[in-house]
Amino acid sequence: MTSTSLTSITDVPTDVPHARKAAISRDDLLAATLKLIGPNRSLSTVSLREVAREAGIAPNSFYRQFRDMNELSIALIDLAGSSLRTIIGQARERATSTERSVIRVSVETFMEQLRADDKLLHVLLREGAVGSDDFKHAVERELTYFEDELRVDLIRLAAADRSTLYEPALVAKAITRLVFAMGAFAMDQPPERDPALIEQISQMLRMIITGSHALNRALPTA
């Protein structure tokens, strides 16, 4: 997985694409690609020549950094996943230790990233639905990373509350899949609907967690 950060990608200047550059980096090409995609355009529709033109290089220079567009696209999916996990993880750490506040902060942060200019969340949402099989597998891998990190946080929060979740791994998967499905829906909605969607998603997540606690309490004691 690439170690490139969200900030370094969005800081790459690609707004003058027609001036040919003497040297090009992976970051330049990833930033150029982000400028070409959006809510209604998948990575699979972006050509190598388009990326080269946006980055201000000759098409042959592309191959100094990536074998083909497939490798670039998977690198971009990896970048999107790792950057978003970092941002949402930091938001969870800043929240108070109660499940309710952590849920709310996490959902708010997710929606903020949905509307961010860098479009990284769009990469995960769009490619997971309409991308090639390779892209879908890359997105699935990133979602699994989200689930693993969330499972650890859920167990930690439950322990702090002296309670136990029923099947925390399954709870983490249900939460992750729900949030990303709602994110895909929200992506095509006007930003004015975000507060209502944040409230709806937060309530859905609380219902999942409450149900998990109830199921655990219902287990027969040894």
C-alpha atoms as a PDB file:
ATOM      1  CA  MET A   1       0.000   0.000   0.000  1.00  0.00           C
ATOM      2  CA  THR A   2       1.281   3.460  -0.858  1.00  0.00           C
ATOM      3  CA  SER A   3       2.402   5.605   2.044  1.00  0.00           C
ATOM      4  CA  THR A   4       1.376   8.831   0.302  1.00  0.00           C
ATOM      5  CA  SER A   5      -0.700  11.081   2.522  1.00  0.00           C
ATOM      6  CA  LEU A   6      -3.967  12.834   1.764  1.00  0.00           C
ATOM      7  CA  THR A   7      -2.348  16.253   2.192  1.00  0.00           C
ATOM      8  CA  SER A   8       0.521  15.568  -0.180  1.00  0.00           C
ATOM      9  CA  ILE A   9      -1.856  14.496  -2.936  1.00  0.00           C
ATOM     10  CA  THR A  10      -4.196  17.453  -2.643  1.00  0.00           C
ATOM     11  CA  ASP A  11      -1.260  19.871  -2.505  1.00  0.00           C
ATOM     12  CA  VAL A  12       0.144  18.732  -5.854  1.00  0.00           C
ATOM     13  CA  PRO A  13      -0.423  21.583  -8.346  1.00  0.00           C
ATOM     14  CA  THR A  14      -2.046  20.200 -11.489  1.00  0.00           C
ATOM     15  CA  ASP A  15      -4.104  23.202 -12.513  1.00  0.00           C
ATOM     16  CA  VAL A  16      -1.821  24.042 -15.453  1.00  0.00           C
ATOM     17  CA  PRO A  17      -1.905  20.740 -17.325  1.00  0.00           C
ATOM     18  CA  HIS A  18      -0.665  21.848 -20.729  1.00  0.00           C
ATOM     19  CA  ALA A  19       2.884  22.830 -19.737  1.00  0.00           C
ATOM     20  CA  ARG A  20       5.063  19.752 -20.156  1.00  0.00           C
ATOM     21  CA  LYS A  21       7.012  18.830 -17.008  1.00  0.00           C
ATOM     22  CA  ALA A  22      10.573  17.579 -17.011  1.00  0.00           C
ATOM     23  CA  ALA A  23       9.902  15.143 -14.160  1.00  0.00           C
ATOM     24  CA  ILE A  24       6.786  13.477 -12.822  1.00  0.00           C
ATOM     25  CA  SER A  25       6.012  11.647  -9.585  1.00  0.00           C
ATOM     26  CA  ARG A  26       3.414   9.121  -8.541  1.00  0.00           C
ATOM     27  CA  ASP A  27       1.756  11.879  -6.516  1.00  0.00           C
ATOM     28  CA  ASP A  28       1.453  14.056  -9.637  1.00  0.00           C
ATOM     29  CA  LEU A  29      -0.290  11.280 -11.528  1.00  0.00           C
ATOM     30  CA  LEU A  30      -2.629  10.395  -8.651  1.00  0.00           C
ATOM     31  CA  ALA A  31      -3.559  14.066  -8.227  1.00  0.00           C
ATOM     32  CA  ALA A  32      -4.175  14.432 -11.953  1.00  0.00           C
ATOM     33  CA  THR A  33      -6.438  11.382 -11.920  1.00  0.00           C
ATOM     34  CA  LEU A  34      -8.448  12.761  -9.001  1.00  0.00           C
ATOM     35  CA  LYS A  35      -9.164  15.853 -11.080  1.00  0.00           C
ATOM     36  CA  LEU A  36     -10.673  13.717 -13.823  1.00  0.00           C
ATOM     37  CA  ILE A  37     -13.086  11.618 -11.765  1.00  0.00           C
ATOM     38  CA  GLY A  38     -16.165  12.491  -9.763  1.00  0.00           C
ATOM     39  CA  PRO A  39     -19.549  11.247  -8.590  1.00  0.00           C
ATOM     40  CA  ASN A  40     -20.557  10.341 -12.139  1.00  0.00           C
ATOM     41  CA  ARG A  41     -17.270   9.119 -13.550  1.00  0.00           C
ATOM     42  CA  SER A  42     -15.462   5.895 -12.681  1.00  0.00           C
ATOM     43  CA  LEU A  43     -11.726   5.298 -12.792  1.00  0.00           C
ATOM     44  CA  SER A  44     -12.335   2.658 -15.449  1.00  0.00           C
ATOM     45  CA  THR A  45     -13.413   5.389 -17.895  1.00  0.00           C
ATOM     46  CA  VAL A  46     -10.242   7.468 -17.470  1.00  0.00           C
ATOM     47  CA  SER A  47      -7.565   6.908 -20.095  1.00  0.00           C
ATOM     48  CA  LEU A  48      -3.803   7.051 -19.751  1.00  0.00           C
ATOM     49  CA  ARG A  49      -3.644   9.898 -22.265  1.00  0.00           C
ATOM     50  CA  GLU A  50      -6.135  11.938 -20.254  1.00  0.00           C
ATOM     51  CA  VAL A  51      -4.069  11.512 -17.093  1.00  0.00           C
ATOM     52  CA  ALA A  52      -0.865  12.401 -18.948  1.00  0.00           C
ATOM     53  CA  ARG A  53      -2.457  15.518 -20.417  1.00  0.00           C
ATOM     54  CA  GLU A  54      -3.832  16.597 -17.023  1.00  0.00           C
ATOM     55  CA  ALA A  55      -0.430  16.006 -15.400  1.00  0.00           C
ATOM     56  CA  GLY A  56       1.385  17.900 -18.138  1.00  0.00           C
ATOM     57  CA  ILE A  57       3.567  15.034 -19.369  1.00  0.00           C
ATOM     58  CA  ALA A  58       4.053  12.966 -22.487  1.00  0.00           C
ATOM     59  CA  PRO A  59       2.132   9.663 -22.339  1.00  0.00           C
ATOM     60  CA  ASN A  60       5.363   7.635 -22.347  1.00  0.00           C
ATOM     61  CA  SER A  61       6.479   9.362 -19.129  1.00  0.00           C
ATOM     62  CA  PHE A  62       3.538   7.739 -17.354  1.00  0.00           C
ATOM     63  CA  TYR A  63       5.293   4.367 -17.446  1.00  0.00           C
ATOM     64  CA  ARG A  64       8.135   5.618 -15.262  1.00  0.00           C
ATOM     65  CA  GLN A  65       5.722   5.450 -12.302  1.00  0.00           C
ATOM     66  CA  PHE A  66       3.021   2.910 -13.180  1.00  0.00           C
ATOM     67  CA  ARG A  67       2.807  -0.118 -15.449  1.00  0.00           C
ATOM     68  CA  ASP A  68      -0.684   0.829 -16.609  1.00  0.00           C
ATOM     69  CA  MET A  69      -3.897   2.568 -15.564  1.00  0.00           C
ATOM     70  CA  ASN A  70      -4.981  -0.491 -13.616  1.00  0.00           C
ATOM     71  CA  GLU A  71      -1.965  -0.199 -11.296  1.00  0.00           C
ATOM     72  CA  LEU A  72      -2.526   3.560 -10.879  1.00  0.00           C
ATOM     73  CA  SER A  73      -6.212   3.052 -10.082  1.00  0.00           C
ATOM     74  CA  ILE A  74      -5.523   0.433  -7.419  1.00  0.00           C
ATOM     75  CA  ALA A  75      -2.879   2.719  -5.893  1.00  0.00           C
ATOM     76  CA  LEU A  76      -5.488   5.479  -5.761  1.00  0.00           C
ATOM     77  CA  ILE A  77      -8.020   3.177  -4.084  1.00  0.00           C
ATOM     78  CA  ASP A  78      -5.369   2.186  -1.528  1.00  0.00           C
ATOM     79  CA  LEU A  79      -4.571   5.848  -0.906  1.00  0.00           C
ATOM     80  CA  ALA A  80      -8.247   6.701  -0.476  1.00  0.00           C
ATOM     81  CA  GLY A  81      -8.759   3.901   2.038  1.00  0.00           C
ATOM     82  CA  SER A  82      -5.658   4.590   4.126  1.00  0.00           C
ATOM     83  CA  SER A  83      -6.244   8.361   4.197  1.00  0.00           C
ATOM     84  CA  LEU A  84      -9.894   8.039   5.198  1.00  0.00           C
ATOM     85  CA  ARG A  85      -9.126   5.455   7.881  1.00  0.00           C
ATOM     86  CA  THR A  86      -6.598   7.866   9.372  1.00  0.00           C
ATOM     87  CA  ILE A  87      -9.014  10.811   9.320  1.00  0.00           C
ATOM     88  CA  ILE A  88     -11.960   8.895  10.787  1.00  0.00           C
ATOM     89  CA  GLY A  89      -9.738   7.122  13.325  1.00  0.00           C
ATOM     90  CA  GLN A  90      -8.403  10.450  14.554  1.00  0.00           C
ATOM     91  CA  ALA A  91     -11.960  11.759  14.823  1.00  0.00           C
ATOM     92  CA  ARG A  92     -12.956   8.750  16.955  1.00  0.00           C
ATOM     93  CA  GLU A  93      -9.992   9.361  19.243  1.00  0.00           C
ATOM     94  CA  ARG A  94     -11.024  13.000  19.728  1.00  0.00           C
ATOM     95  CA  ALA A  95     -14.573  12.022  20.649  1.00  0.00           C
ATOM     96  CA  THR A  96     -15.530  11.250  24.215  1.00  0.00           C
ATOM     97  CA  SER A  97     -15.534   7.656  25.351  1.00  0.00           C
ATOM     98  CA  THR A  98     -19.274   7.047  25.008  1.00  0.00           C
ATOM     99  CA  GLU A  99     -20.543   5.025  22.062  1.00  0.00           C
ATOM    100  CA  ARG A 100     -23.157   7.658  21.224  1.00  0.00           C
ATOM    101  CA  SER A 101     -20.656  10.485  20.778  1.00  0.00           C
ATOM    102  CA  VAL A 102     -18.167   8.332  18.875  1.00  0.00           C
ATOM    103  CA  ILE A 103     -20.886   7.251  16.449  1.00  0.00           C
ATOM    104  CA  ARG A 104     -22.000  10.825  15.822  1.00  0.00           C
ATOM    105  CA  VAL A 105     -18.488  12.184  15.330  1.00  0.00           C
ATOM    106  CA  SER A 106     -17.565   9.322  13.002  1.00  0.00           C
ATOM    107  CA  VAL A 107     -20.645   9.843  10.825  1.00  0.00           C
ATOM    108  CA  GLU A 108     -20.126  13.609  10.707  1.00  0.00           C
ATOM    109  CA  THR A 109     -16.501  13.125   9.681  1.00  0.00           C
ATOM    110  CA  PHE A 110     -17.514  10.624   6.997  1.00  0.00           C
ATOM    111  CA  MET A 111     -19.997  13.111   5.523  1.00  0.00           C
ATOM    112  CA  GLU A 112     -17.422  15.907   5.631  1.00  0.00           C
ATOM    113  CA  GLN A 113     -15.087  13.741   3.582  1.00  0.00           C
ATOM    114  CA  LEU A 114     -17.904  12.961   1.157  1.00  0.00           C
ATOM    115  CA  ARG A 115     -18.111  16.683   0.374  1.00  0.00           C
ATOM    116  CA  ALA A 116     -14.344  17.295   0.417  1.00  0.00           C
ATOM    117  CA  ASP A 117     -12.703  18.657  -2.712  1.00  0.00           C
ATOM    118  CA  ASP A 118     -10.171  15.832  -2.977  1.00  0.00           C
ATOM    119  CA  LYS A 119     -12.864  13.251  -3.983  1.00  0.00           C
ATOM    120  CA  LEU A 120     -11.037  10.390  -2.254  1.00  0.00           C
ATOM    121  CA  LEU A 121     -14.203   9.026  -0.687  1.00  0.00           C
ATOM    122  CA  HIS A 122     -15.849   9.131  -4.107  1.00  0.00           C
ATOM    123  CA  VAL A 123     -13.154   6.727  -5.300  1.00  0.00           C
ATOM    124  CA  LEU A 124     -14.176   4.080  -2.756  1.00  0.00           C
ATOM    125  CA  LEU A 125     -17.910   4.598  -3.160  1.00  0.00           C
ATOM    126  CA  ARG A 126     -17.932   4.635  -6.948  1.00  0.00           C
ATOM    127  CA  GLU A 127     -15.371   1.922  -7.660  1.00  0.00           C
ATOM    128  CA  GLY A 128     -16.953  -0.445  -5.155  1.00  0.00           C
ATOM    129  CA  ALA A 129     -20.177  -0.260  -7.147  1.00  0.00           C
ATOM    130  CA  VAL A 130     -19.278   0.166 -10.825  1.00  0.00           C
ATOM    131  CA  GLY A 131     -15.529  -0.413 -11.102  1.00  0.00           C
ATOM    132  CA  SER A 132     -13.770  -3.391 -12.663  1.00  0.00           C
ATOM    133  CA  ASP A 133     -13.363  -6.639 -10.738  1.00  0.00           C
ATOM    134  CA  ASP A 134      -9.817  -5.629  -9.751  1.00  0.00           C
ATOM    135  CA  PHE A 135     -11.070  -2.287  -8.455  1.00  0.00           C
ATOM    136  CA  LYS A 136     -13.924  -3.919  -6.539  1.00  0.00           C
ATOM    137  CA  HIS A 137     -11.479  -6.322  -4.911  1.00  0.00           C
ATOM    138  CA  ALA A 138      -9.244  -3.389  -3.915  1.00  0.00           C
ATOM    139  CA  VAL A 139     -12.227  -1.544  -2.402  1.00  0.00           C
ATOM    140  CA  GLU A 140     -13.298  -4.703  -0.566  1.00  0.00           C
ATOM    141  CA  ARG A 141      -9.818  -4.946   0.936  1.00  0.00           C
ATOM    142  CA  GLU A 142     -10.056  -1.353   2.171  1.00  0.00           C
ATOM    143  CA  LEU A 143     -13.499  -1.971   3.687  1.00  0.00           C
ATOM    144  CA  THR A 144     -12.090  -4.972   5.527  1.00  0.00           C
ATOM    145  CA  TYR A 145      -9.388  -2.733   7.004  1.00  0.00           C
ATOM    146  CA  PHE A 146     -12.114  -0.306   8.140  1.00  0.00           C
ATOM    147  CA  GLU A 147     -13.993  -3.178   9.766  1.00  0.00           C
ATOM    148  CA  ASP A 148     -10.934  -4.505  11.596  1.00  0.00           C
ATOM    149  CA  GLU A 149     -10.093  -1.115  13.076  1.00  0.00           C
ATOM    150  CA  LEU A 150     -13.714  -0.446  14.011  1.00  0.00           C
ATOM    151  CA  ARG A 151     -14.005  -3.846  15.718  1.00  0.00           C
ATOM    152  CA  VAL A 152     -11.076  -2.967  17.985  1.00  0.00           C
ATOM    153  CA  ASP A 153     -12.671   0.386  18.871  1.00  0.00           C
ATOM    154  CA  LEU A 154     -16.070  -1.192  19.554  1.00  0.00           C
ATOM    155  CA  ILE A 155     -14.563  -3.740  21.924  1.00  0.00           C
ATOM    156  CA  ARG A 156     -12.616  -0.996  23.691  1.00  0.00           C
ATOM    157  CA  LEU A 157     -15.696   1.205  24.127  1.00  0.00           C
ATOM    158  CA  ALA A 158     -17.826  -1.687  25.354  1.00  0.00           C
ATOM    159  CA  ALA A 159     -15.161  -2.656  27.894  1.00  0.00           C
ATOM    160  CA  ALA A 160     -14.980   0.927  29.142  1.00  0.00           C
ATOM    161  CA  ASP A 161     -18.744   0.730  29.713  1.00  0.00           C
ATOM    162  CA  ARG A 162     -18.357  -2.672  31.424  1.00  0.00           C
ATOM    163  CA  SER A 163     -20.423  -4.367  28.737  1.00  0.00           C
ATOM    164  CA  THR A 164     -19.882  -6.815  25.908  1.00  0.00           C
ATOM    165  CA  LEU A 165     -21.013  -6.819  22.305  1.00  0.00           C
ATOM    166  CA  TYR A 166     -22.410  -9.911  20.639  1.00  0.00           C
ATOM    167  CA  GLU A 167     -20.190 -10.783  17.640  1.00  0.00           C
ATOM    168  CA  PRO A 168     -18.237  -7.469  17.506  1.00  0.00           C
ATOM    169  CA  ALA A 169     -16.670  -8.377  14.149  1.00  0.00           C
ATOM    170  CA  LEU A 170     -20.140  -8.773  12.643  1.00  0.00           C
ATOM    171  CA  VAL A 171     -21.256  -5.508  14.253  1.00  0.00           C
ATOM    172  CA  ALA A 172     -18.249  -3.726  12.710  1.00  0.00           C
ATOM    173  CA  LYS A 173     -19.079  -5.186   9.311  1.00  0.00           C
ATOM    174  CA  ALA A 174     -22.741  -4.195   9.546  1.00  0.00           C
ATOM    175  CA  ILE A 175     -21.791  -0.635  10.506  1.00  0.00           C
ATOM    176  CA  THR A 176     -19.170  -0.271   7.792  1.00  0.00           C
ATOM    177  CA  ARG A 177     -21.385  -1.637   5.032  1.00  0.00           C
ATOM    178  CA  LEU A 178     -24.340   0.487   6.114  1.00  0.00           C
ATOM    179  CA  VAL A 179     -22.312   3.692   6.255  1.00  0.00           C
ATOM    180  CA  PHE A 180     -20.756   3.142   2.846  1.00  0.00           C
ATOM    181  CA  ALA A 181     -24.117   2.223   1.302  1.00  0.00           C
ATOM    182  CA  MET A 182     -25.659   5.397   2.731  1.00  0.00           C
ATOM    183  CA  GLY A 183     -22.622   7.340   1.548  1.00  0.00           C
ATOM    184  CA  ALA A 184     -23.178   6.111  -1.994  1.00  0.00           C
ATOM    185  CA  PHE A 185     -26.771   7.339  -1.738  1.00  0.00           C
ATOM    186  CA  ALA A 186     -25.741  10.677  -0.196  1.00  0.00           C
ATOM    187  CA  MET A 187     -23.160  11.280  -2.916  1.00  0.00           C
ATOM    188  CA  ASP A 188     -25.958  11.984  -5.388  1.00  0.00           C
ATOM    189  CA  GLN A 189     -27.986  14.108  -2.952  1.00  0.00           C
ATOM    190  CA  PRO A 190     -27.667  17.872  -2.391  1.00  0.00           C
ATOM    191  CA  PRO A 191     -25.477  18.861   0.594  1.00  0.00           C
ATOM    192  CA  GLU A 192     -28.533  20.452   2.218  1.00  0.00           C
ATOM    193  CA  ARG A 193     -29.749  16.947   3.036  1.00  0.00           C
ATOM    194  CA  ASP A 194     -26.588  16.055   4.968  1.00  0.00           C
ATOM    195  CA  PRO A 195     -27.860  16.975   8.490  1.00  0.00           C
ATOM    196  CA  ALA A 196     -30.919  14.758   8.097  1.00  0.00           C
ATOM    197  CA  LEU A 197     -28.806  11.926   6.669  1.00  0.00           C
ATOM    198  CA  ILE A 198     -26.287  12.245   9.504  1.00  0.00           C
ATOM    199  CA  GLU A 199     -29.110  11.896  12.011  1.00  0.00           C
ATOM    200  CA  GLN A 200     -30.610   8.912  10.196  1.00  0.00           C
ATOM    201  CA  ILE A 201     -27.290   7.080   9.851  1.00  0.00           C
ATOM    202  CA  SER A 202     -26.357   7.772  13.473  1.00  0.00           C
ATOM    203  CA  GLN A 203     -29.688   6.394  14.645  1.00  0.00           C
ATOM    204  CA  MET A 204     -29.276   3.286  12.489  1.00  0.00           C
ATOM    205  CA  LEU A 205     -25.841   2.645  13.952  1.00  0.00           C
ATOM    206  CA  ARG A 206     -27.094   3.072  17.509  1.00  0.00           C
ATOM    207  CA  MET A 207     -29.807   0.513  16.739  1.00  0.00           C
ATOM    208  CA  ILE A 208     -27.186  -1.976  15.525  1.00  0.00           C
ATOM    209  CA  ILE A 209     -25.073  -1.525  18.649  1.00  0.00           C
ATOM    210  CA  THR A 210     -28.063  -1.607  20.990  1.00  0.00           C
ATOM    211  CA  GLY A 211     -29.215  -4.829  19.357  1.00  0.00           C
ATOM    212  CA  SER A 212     -25.782  -6.371  19.779  1.00  0.00           C
ATOM    213  CA  HIS A 213     -25.766  -5.510  23.490  1.00  0.00           C
ATOM    214  CA  ALA A 214     -29.263  -6.979  23.859  1.00  0.00           C
ATOM    215  CA  LEU A 215     -28.271 -10.187  22.077  1.00  0.00           C
ATOM    216  CA  ASN A 216     -25.275 -10.581  24.349  1.00  0.00           C
ATOM    217  CA  ARG A 217     -27.426 -10.123  27.451  1.00  0.00           C
ATOM    218  CA  ALA A 218     -29.849 -12.736  26.145  1.00  0.00           C
ATOM    219  CA  LEU A 219     -27.165 -15.404  25.907  1.00  0.00           C
ATOM    220  CA  PRO A 220     -27.614 -18.170  28.488  1.00  0.00           C
ATOM    221  CA  THR A 221     -25.093 -17.948  31.300  1.00  0.00           C
ATOM    222  CA  ALA A 222     -22.807 -20.907  31.880  1.00  0.00           C
END
